[in-house]
Amino acid sequence: MKWDKIISTEQEYEKALNRLSVIFDFTPDSPEGMEAELLVTLIEKYEREIKCLRKELIKGEKSGLSNNTISDILEEAKRHAKS
């Protein structure tokens, strides 16, 4: 399996982690090694996005904001994380 997309769901994240565990020790110049490097980058990006979203959610909950307002904050955070 060659990874060919960004990670945007928890299910894709789990698949990426599983794939990385299989190919992690391959030589960096091999196709699997290059795929492993790509997966590390994509996994780190996804983890940063999730961390950002969780921080915004906690901030909104502590502020007593409505669910709609929190949802708007999360959507804005997603847009910023992707840029």
PDB file of N, CA and C in Angstrom:
ATOM      1  N   MET A   1       0.843  -1.189   0.000  1.00  0.00           N
ATOM      2  CA  MET A   1       0.000   0.000   0.000  1.00  0.00           C
ATOM      3  C   MET A   1       0.880   1.240   0.000  1.00  0.00           C
ATOM      4  N   LYS A   2       0.674   2.101  -0.908  1.00  0.00           N
ATOM      5  CA  LYS A   2       1.394   3.376  -0.971  1.00  0.00           C
ATOM      6  C   LYS A   2       0.453   4.461  -0.478  1.00  0.00           C
ATOM      7  N   TRP A   3       0.901   5.239   0.512  1.00  0.00           N
ATOM      8  CA  TRP A   3       0.053   6.299   1.047  1.00  0.00           C
ATOM      9  C   TRP A   3       0.007   7.447   0.067  1.00  0.00           C
ATOM     10  N   ASP A   4      -1.201   7.925  -0.256  1.00  0.00           N
ATOM     11  CA  ASP A   4      -1.327   8.926  -1.315  1.00  0.00           C
ATOM     12  C   ASP A   4      -2.287  10.070  -0.992  1.00  0.00           C
ATOM     13  N   LYS A   5      -2.519  10.328   0.299  1.00  0.00           N
ATOM     14  CA  LYS A   5      -3.436  11.414   0.645  1.00  0.00           C
ATOM     15  C   LYS A   5      -3.133  11.942   2.032  1.00  0.00           C
ATOM     16  N   ILE A   6      -3.670  13.126   2.318  1.00  0.00           N
ATOM     17  CA  ILE A   6      -3.506  13.670   3.661  1.00  0.00           C
ATOM     18  C   ILE A   6      -4.390  12.879   4.623  1.00  0.00           C
ATOM     19  N   ILE A   7      -4.113  13.009   5.901  1.00  0.00           N
ATOM     20  CA  ILE A   7      -4.892  12.329   6.929  1.00  0.00           C
ATOM     21  C   ILE A   7      -5.928  13.318   7.435  1.00  0.00           C
ATOM     22  N   SER A   8      -7.203  12.957   7.303  1.00  0.00           N
ATOM     23  CA  SER A   8      -8.243  13.895   7.706  1.00  0.00           C
ATOM     24  C   SER A   8      -9.272  13.294   8.661  1.00  0.00           C
ATOM     25  N   THR A   9      -9.151  12.005   8.962  1.00  0.00           N
ATOM     26  CA  THR A   9     -10.078  11.377   9.906  1.00  0.00           C
ATOM     27  C   THR A   9      -9.293  10.525  10.898  1.00  0.00           C
ATOM     28  N   GLU A  10      -9.942  10.202  11.992  1.00  0.00           N
ATOM     29  CA  GLU A  10      -9.317   9.338  13.003  1.00  0.00           C
ATOM     30  C   GLU A  10      -9.028   7.958  12.417  1.00  0.00           C
ATOM     31  N   GLN A  11      -9.907   7.470  11.576  1.00  0.00           N
ATOM     32  CA  GLN A  11      -9.714   6.160  10.943  1.00  0.00           C
ATOM     33  C   GLN A  11      -8.476   6.178  10.041  1.00  0.00           C
ATOM     34  N   GLU A  12      -8.311   7.225   9.253  1.00  0.00           N
ATOM     35  CA  GLU A  12      -7.122   7.343   8.402  1.00  0.00           C
ATOM     36  C   GLU A  12      -5.859   7.470   9.251  1.00  0.00           C
ATOM     37  N   TYR A  13      -5.970   8.189  10.354  1.00  0.00           N
ATOM     38  CA  TYR A  13      -4.848   8.346  11.285  1.00  0.00           C
ATOM     39  C   TYR A  13      -4.405   6.980  11.819  1.00  0.00           C
ATOM     40  N   GLU A  14      -5.365   6.168  12.248  1.00  0.00           N
ATOM     41  CA  GLU A  14      -5.042   4.828  12.758  1.00  0.00           C
ATOM     42  C   GLU A  14      -4.408   3.958  11.668  1.00  0.00           C
ATOM     43  N   LYS A  15      -4.940   4.031  10.456  1.00  0.00           N
ATOM     44  CA  LYS A  15      -4.365   3.267   9.339  1.00  0.00           C
ATOM     45  C   LYS A  15      -2.937   3.721   9.058  1.00  0.00           C
ATOM     46  N   ALA A  16      -2.716   5.032   9.109  1.00  0.00           N
ATOM     47  CA  ALA A  16      -1.379   5.571   8.852  1.00  0.00           C
ATOM     48  C   ALA A  16      -0.395   5.105   9.919  1.00  0.00           C
ATOM     49  N   LEU A  17      -0.823   5.118  11.180  1.00  0.00           N
ATOM     50  CA  LEU A  17       0.049   4.629  12.261  1.00  0.00           C
ATOM     51  C   LEU A  17       0.381   3.152  12.075  1.00  0.00           C
ATOM     52  N   ASN A  18      -0.626   2.370  11.706  1.00  0.00           N
ATOM     53  CA  ASN A  18      -0.385   0.939  11.473  1.00  0.00           C
ATOM     54  C   ASN A  18       0.572   0.720  10.304  1.00  0.00           C
ATOM     55  N   ARG A  19       0.361   1.451   9.222  1.00  0.00           N
ATOM     56  CA  ARG A  19       1.244   1.322   8.060  1.00  0.00           C
ATOM     57  C   ARG A  19       2.670   1.730   8.423  1.00  0.00           C
ATOM     58  N   LEU A  20       2.810   2.814   9.162  1.00  0.00           N
ATOM     59  CA  LEU A  20       4.131   3.274   9.562  1.00  0.00           C
ATOM     60  C   LEU A  20       4.845   2.229  10.411  1.00  0.00           C
ATOM     61  N   SER A  21       4.113   1.563  11.279  1.00  0.00           N
ATOM     62  CA  SER A  21       4.745   0.544  12.126  1.00  0.00           C
ATOM     63  C   SER A  21       5.292  -0.620  11.294  1.00  0.00           C
ATOM     64  N   VAL A  22       4.699  -0.877  10.137  1.00  0.00           N
ATOM     65  CA  VAL A  22       5.153  -1.952   9.250  1.00  0.00           C
ATOM     66  C   VAL A  22       6.401  -1.536   8.470  1.00  0.00           C
ATOM     67  N   ILE A  23       6.473  -0.283   8.035  1.00  0.00           N
ATOM     68  CA  ILE A  23       7.545   0.135   7.117  1.00  0.00           C
ATOM     69  C   ILE A  23       8.609   1.013   7.770  1.00  0.00           C
ATOM     70  N   PHE A  24       8.512   1.255   9.058  1.00  0.00           N
ATOM     71  CA  PHE A  24       9.389   2.210   9.738  1.00  0.00           C
ATOM     72  C   PHE A  24      10.875   1.894   9.580  1.00  0.00           C
ATOM     73  N   ASP A  25      11.259   0.650   9.629  1.00  0.00           N
ATOM     74  CA  ASP A  25      12.675   0.268   9.618  1.00  0.00           C
ATOM     75  C   ASP A  25      13.266   0.038   8.228  1.00  0.00           C
ATOM     76  N   PHE A  26      12.520   0.337   7.189  1.00  0.00           N
ATOM     77  CA  PHE A  26      13.063   0.180   5.843  1.00  0.00           C
ATOM     78  C   PHE A  26      14.141   1.235   5.591  1.00  0.00           C
ATOM     79  N   THR A  27      15.026   0.954   4.670  1.00  0.00           N
ATOM     80  CA  THR A  27      16.075   1.888   4.279  1.00  0.00           C
ATOM     81  C   THR A  27      15.446   3.175   3.760  1.00  0.00           C
ATOM     82  N   PRO A  28      15.956   4.335   4.199  1.00  0.00           N
ATOM     83  CA  PRO A  28      15.347   5.613   3.783  1.00  0.00           C
ATOM     84  C   PRO A  28      15.246   5.808   2.269  1.00  0.00           C
ATOM     85  N   ASP A  29      16.168   5.227   1.506  1.00  0.00           N
ATOM     86  CA  ASP A  29      16.139   5.409   0.048  1.00  0.00           C
ATOM     87  C   ASP A  29      15.196   4.452  -0.669  1.00  0.00           C
ATOM     88  N   SER A  30      14.630   3.485   0.058  1.00  0.00           N
ATOM     89  CA  SER A  30      13.704   2.534  -0.562  1.00  0.00           C
ATOM     90  C   SER A  30      12.331   3.183  -0.696  1.00  0.00           C
ATOM     91  N   PRO A  31      11.480   2.644  -1.561  1.00  0.00           N
ATOM     92  CA  PRO A  31      10.121   3.199  -1.672  1.00  0.00           C
ATOM     93  C   PRO A  31       9.379   3.202  -0.329  1.00  0.00           C
ATOM     94  N   GLU A  32       9.557   2.146   0.441  1.00  0.00           N
ATOM     95  CA  GLU A  32       8.895   2.070   1.753  1.00  0.00           C
ATOM     96  C   GLU A  32       9.478   3.094   2.724  1.00  0.00           C
ATOM     97  N   GLY A  33      10.794   3.306   2.646  1.00  0.00           N
ATOM     98  CA  GLY A  33      11.436   4.300   3.503  1.00  0.00           C
ATOM     99  C   GLY A  33      10.965   5.705   3.199  1.00  0.00           C
ATOM    100  N   MET A  34      10.814   6.005   1.910  1.00  0.00           N
ATOM    101  CA  MET A  34      10.306   7.321   1.514  1.00  0.00           C
ATOM    102  C   MET A  34       8.848   7.483   1.924  1.00  0.00           C
ATOM    103  N   GLU A  35       8.077   6.404   1.813  1.00  0.00           N
ATOM    104  CA  GLU A  35       6.685   6.439   2.260  1.00  0.00           C
ATOM    105  C   GLU A  35       6.622   6.673   3.769  1.00  0.00           C
ATOM    106  N   ALA A  36       7.545   6.041   4.512  1.00  0.00           N
ATOM    107  CA  ALA A  36       7.592   6.225   5.969  1.00  0.00           C
ATOM    108  C   ALA A  36       7.854   7.690   6.321  1.00  0.00           C
ATOM    109  N   GLU A  37       8.775   8.319   5.617  1.00  0.00           N
ATOM    110  CA  GLU A  37       9.058   9.740   5.862  1.00  0.00           C
ATOM    111  C   GLU A  37       7.820  10.598   5.600  1.00  0.00           C
ATOM    112  N   LEU A  38       7.124  10.301   4.526  1.00  0.00           N
ATOM    113  CA  LEU A  38       5.899  11.028   4.205  1.00  0.00           C
ATOM    114  C   LEU A  38       4.847  10.813   5.300  1.00  0.00           C
ATOM    115  N   LEU A  39       4.691   9.572   5.734  1.00  0.00           N
ATOM    116  CA  LEU A  39       3.707   9.282   6.774  1.00  0.00           C
ATOM    117  C   LEU A  39       4.020  10.007   8.074  1.00  0.00           C
ATOM    118  N   VAL A  40       5.279  10.068   8.446  1.00  0.00           N
ATOM    119  CA  VAL A  40       5.653  10.790   9.665  1.00  0.00           C
ATOM    120  C   VAL A  40       5.211  12.241   9.562  1.00  0.00           C
ATOM    121  N   THR A  41       5.465  12.856   8.424  1.00  0.00           N
ATOM    122  CA  THR A  41       5.070  14.250   8.211  1.00  0.00           C
ATOM    123  C   THR A  41       3.553  14.413   8.286  1.00  0.00           C
ATOM    124  N   LEU A  42       2.825  13.527   7.632  1.00  0.00           N
ATOM    125  CA  LEU A  42       1.361  13.618   7.619  1.00  0.00           C
ATOM    126  C   LEU A  42       0.764  13.345   8.998  1.00  0.00           C
ATOM    127  N   ILE A  43       1.325  12.388   9.711  1.00  0.00           N
ATOM    128  CA  ILE A  43       0.859  12.075  11.069  1.00  0.00           C
ATOM    129  C   ILE A  43       1.093  13.263  11.993  1.00  0.00           C
ATOM    130  N   GLU A  44       2.272  13.857  11.917  1.00  0.00           N
ATOM    131  CA  GLU A  44       2.573  15.028  12.752  1.00  0.00           C
ATOM    132  C   GLU A  44       1.616  16.186  12.437  1.00  0.00           C
ATOM    133  N   LYS A  45       1.324  16.396  11.172  1.00  0.00           N
ATOM    134  CA  LYS A  45       0.396  17.464  10.769  1.00  0.00           C
ATOM    135  C   LYS A  45      -0.987  17.202  11.359  1.00  0.00           C
ATOM    136  N   TYR A  46      -1.470  15.986  11.233  1.00  0.00           N
ATOM    137  CA  TYR A  46      -2.783  15.644  11.769  1.00  0.00           C
ATOM    138  C   TYR A  46      -2.814  15.841  13.286  1.00  0.00           C
ATOM    139  N   GLU A  47      -1.754  15.410  13.969  1.00  0.00           N
ATOM    140  CA  GLU A  47      -1.700  15.555  15.425  1.00  0.00           C
ATOM    141  C   GLU A  47      -1.698  17.026  15.843  1.00  0.00           C
ATOM    142  N   ARG A  48      -1.008  17.870  15.090  1.00  0.00           N
ATOM    143  CA  ARG A  48      -1.023  19.312  15.383  1.00  0.00           C
ATOM    144  C   ARG A  48      -2.433  19.882  15.219  1.00  0.00           C
ATOM    145  N   GLU A  49      -3.110  19.474  14.149  1.00  0.00           N
ATOM    146  CA  GLU A  49      -4.468  19.956  13.902  1.00  0.00           C
ATOM    147  C   GLU A  49      -5.406  19.527  15.027  1.00  0.00           C
ATOM    148  N   ILE A  50      -5.311  18.282  15.450  1.00  0.00           N
ATOM    149  CA  ILE A  50      -6.174  17.766  16.512  1.00  0.00           C
ATOM    150  C   ILE A  50      -5.877  18.494  17.821  1.00  0.00           C
ATOM    151  N   LYS A  51      -4.603  18.710  18.121  1.00  0.00           N
ATOM    152  CA  LYS A  51      -4.229  19.420  19.348  1.00  0.00           C
ATOM    153  C   LYS A  51      -4.819  20.832  19.338  1.00  0.00           C
ATOM    154  N   CYS A  52      -4.733  21.497  18.206  1.00  0.00           N
ATOM    155  CA  CYS A  52      -5.277  22.845  18.070  1.00  0.00           C
ATOM    156  C   CYS A  52      -6.785  22.831  18.279  1.00  0.00           C
ATOM    157  N   LEU A  53      -7.471  21.877  17.677  1.00  0.00           N
ATOM    158  CA  LEU A  53      -8.917  21.791  17.819  1.00  0.00           C
ATOM    159  C   LEU A  53      -9.317  21.517  19.265  1.00  0.00           C
ATOM    160  N   ARG A  54      -8.594  20.645  19.929  1.00  0.00           N
ATOM    161  CA  ARG A  54      -8.903  20.326  21.330  1.00  0.00           C
ATOM    162  C   ARG A  54      -8.705  21.542  22.225  1.00  0.00           C
ATOM    163  N   LYS A  55      -7.637  22.305  21.977  1.00  0.00           N
ATOM    164  CA  LYS A  55      -7.404  23.516  22.762  1.00  0.00           C
ATOM    165  C   LYS A  55      -8.550  24.499  22.591  1.00  0.00           C
ATOM    166  N   GLU A  56      -9.012  24.665  21.359  1.00  0.00           N
ATOM    167  CA  GLU A  56     -10.116  25.586  21.086  1.00  0.00           C
ATOM    168  C   GLU A  56     -11.402  25.096  21.746  1.00  0.00           C
ATOM    169  N   LEU A  57     -11.626  23.796  21.713  1.00  0.00           N
ATOM    170  CA  LEU A  57     -12.822  23.233  22.338  1.00  0.00           C
ATOM    171  C   LEU A  57     -12.814  23.462  23.849  1.00  0.00           C
ATOM    172  N   ILE A  58     -11.702  23.195  24.482  1.00  0.00           N
ATOM    173  CA  ILE A  58     -11.575  23.400  25.929  1.00  0.00           C
ATOM    174  C   ILE A  58     -11.765  24.877  26.271  1.00  0.00           C
ATOM    175  N   LYS A  59     -11.144  25.744  25.476  1.00  0.00           N
ATOM    176  CA  LYS A  59     -11.281  27.179  25.709  1.00  0.00           C
ATOM    177  C   LYS A  59     -12.744  27.598  25.611  1.00  0.00           C
ATOM    178  N   GLY A  60     -13.442  27.083  24.618  1.00  0.00           N
ATOM    179  CA  GLY A  60     -14.847  27.425  24.450  1.00  0.00           C
ATOM    180  C   GLY A  60     -15.713  26.901  25.578  1.00  0.00           C
ATOM    181  N   GLU A  61     -15.452  25.680  26.011  1.00  0.00           N
ATOM    182  CA  GLU A  61     -16.227  25.105  27.103  1.00  0.00           C
ATOM    183  C   GLU A  61     -16.021  25.882  28.399  1.00  0.00           C
ATOM    184  N   LYS A  62     -14.779  26.256  28.664  1.00  0.00           N
ATOM    185  CA  LYS A  62     -14.479  27.012  29.889  1.00  0.00           C
ATOM    186  C   LYS A  62     -15.109  28.395  29.876  1.00  0.00           C
ATOM    187  N   SER A  63     -15.292  28.942  28.689  1.00  0.00           N
ATOM    188  CA  SER A  63     -15.866  30.278  28.564  1.00  0.00           C
ATOM    189  C   SER A  63     -17.387  30.262  28.649  1.00  0.00           C
ATOM    190  N   GLY A  64     -17.971  29.064  28.678  1.00  0.00           N
ATOM    191  CA  GLY A  64     -19.424  28.965  28.743  1.00  0.00           C
ATOM    192  C   GLY A  64     -20.107  29.304  27.433  1.00  0.00           C
ATOM    193  N   LEU A  65     -19.409  29.126  26.327  1.00  0.00           N
ATOM    194  CA  LEU A  65     -19.981  29.442  25.015  1.00  0.00           C
ATOM    195  C   LEU A  65     -21.011  28.388  24.607  1.00  0.00           C
ATOM    196  N   SER A  66     -21.926  28.767  23.748  1.00  0.00           N
ATOM    197  CA  SER A  66     -22.929  27.833  23.242  1.00  0.00           C
ATOM    198  C   SER A  66     -22.273  26.822  22.308  1.00  0.00           C
ATOM    199  N   ASN A  67     -22.955  25.718  22.087  1.00  0.00           N
ATOM    200  CA  ASN A  67     -22.441  24.691  21.185  1.00  0.00           C
ATOM    201  C   ASN A  67     -22.245  25.235  19.769  1.00  0.00           C
ATOM    202  N   ASN A  68     -23.142  26.097  19.328  1.00  0.00           N
ATOM    203  CA  ASN A  68     -23.004  26.684  17.984  1.00  0.00           C
ATOM    204  C   ASN A  68     -21.752  27.549  17.888  1.00  0.00           C
ATOM    205  N   THR A  69     -21.505  28.322  18.913  1.00  0.00           N
ATOM    206  CA  THR A  69     -20.320  29.175  18.920  1.00  0.00           C
ATOM    207  C   THR A  69     -19.056  28.331  18.958  1.00  0.00           C
ATOM    208  N   ILE A  70     -19.066  27.290  19.775  1.00  0.00           N
ATOM    209  CA  ILE A  70     -17.915  26.379  19.846  1.00  0.00           C
ATOM    210  C   ILE A  70     -17.691  25.726  18.488  1.00  0.00           C
ATOM    211  N   SER A  71     -18.768  25.326  17.838  1.00  0.00           N
ATOM    212  CA  SER A  71     -18.661  24.724  16.506  1.00  0.00           C
ATOM    213  C   SER A  71     -18.025  25.696  15.518  1.00  0.00           C
ATOM    214  N   ASP A  72     -18.431  26.957  15.582  1.00  0.00           N
ATOM    215  CA  ASP A  72     -17.842  27.975  14.706  1.00  0.00           C
ATOM    216  C   ASP A  72     -16.352  28.148  14.986  1.00  0.00           C
ATOM    217  N   ILE A  73     -15.977  28.147  16.251  1.00  0.00           N
ATOM    218  CA  ILE A  73     -14.569  28.274  16.640  1.00  0.00           C
ATOM    219  C   ILE A  73     -13.766  27.100  16.101  1.00  0.00           C
ATOM    220  N   LEU A  74     -14.326  25.898  16.225  1.00  0.00           N
ATOM    221  CA  LEU A  74     -13.624  24.705  15.744  1.00  0.00           C
ATOM    222  C   LEU A  74     -13.442  24.735  14.233  1.00  0.00           C
ATOM    223  N   GLU A  75     -14.456  25.174  13.517  1.00  0.00           N
ATOM    224  CA  GLU A  75     -14.336  25.274  12.060  1.00  0.00           C
ATOM    225  C   GLU A  75     -13.248  26.279  11.675  1.00  0.00           C
ATOM    226  N   GLU A  76     -13.187  27.370  12.371  1.00  0.00           N
ATOM    227  CA  GLU A  76     -12.156  28.370  12.113  1.00  0.00           C
ATOM    228  C   GLU A  76     -10.774  27.812  12.419  1.00  0.00           C
ATOM    229  N   ALA A  77     -10.670  27.082  13.509  1.00  0.00           N
ATOM    230  CA  ALA A  77      -9.380  26.472  13.877  1.00  0.00           C
ATOM    231  C   ALA A  77      -8.956  25.449  12.820  1.00  0.00           C
ATOM    232  N   LYS A  78      -9.896  24.681  12.290  1.00  0.00           N
ATOM    233  CA  LYS A  78      -9.579  23.710  11.231  1.00  0.00           C
ATOM    234  C   LYS A  78      -9.004  24.433  10.010  1.00  0.00           C
ATOM    235  N   ARG A  79      -9.641  25.540   9.646  1.00  0.00           N
ATOM    236  CA  ARG A  79      -9.167  26.291   8.468  1.00  0.00           C
ATOM    237  C   ARG A  79      -7.748  26.814   8.685  1.00  0.00           C
ATOM    238  N   HIS A  80      -7.479  27.311   9.888  1.00  0.00           N
ATOM    239  CA  HIS A  80      -6.134  27.825  10.186  1.00  0.00           C
ATOM    240  C   HIS A  80      -5.099  26.699  10.237  1.00  0.00           C
ATOM    241  N   ALA A  81      -5.486  25.541  10.753  1.00  0.00           N
ATOM    242  CA  ALA A  81      -4.560  24.419  10.855  1.00  0.00           C
ATOM    243  C   ALA A  81      -4.174  23.897   9.482  1.00  0.00           C
ATOM    244  N   LYS A  82      -5.069  24.002   8.523  1.00  0.00           N
ATOM    245  CA  LYS A  82      -4.803  23.485   7.182  1.00  0.00           C
ATOM    246  C   LYS A  82      -3.976  24.442   6.350  1.00  0.00           C
ATOM    247  N   SER A  83      -3.870  25.686   6.778  1.00  0.00           N
ATOM    248  CA  SER A  83      -3.113  26.664   5.981  1.00  0.00           C
ATOM    249  C   SER A  83      -1.662  26.729   6.397  1.00  0.00           C
TER     250      SER A  83
END
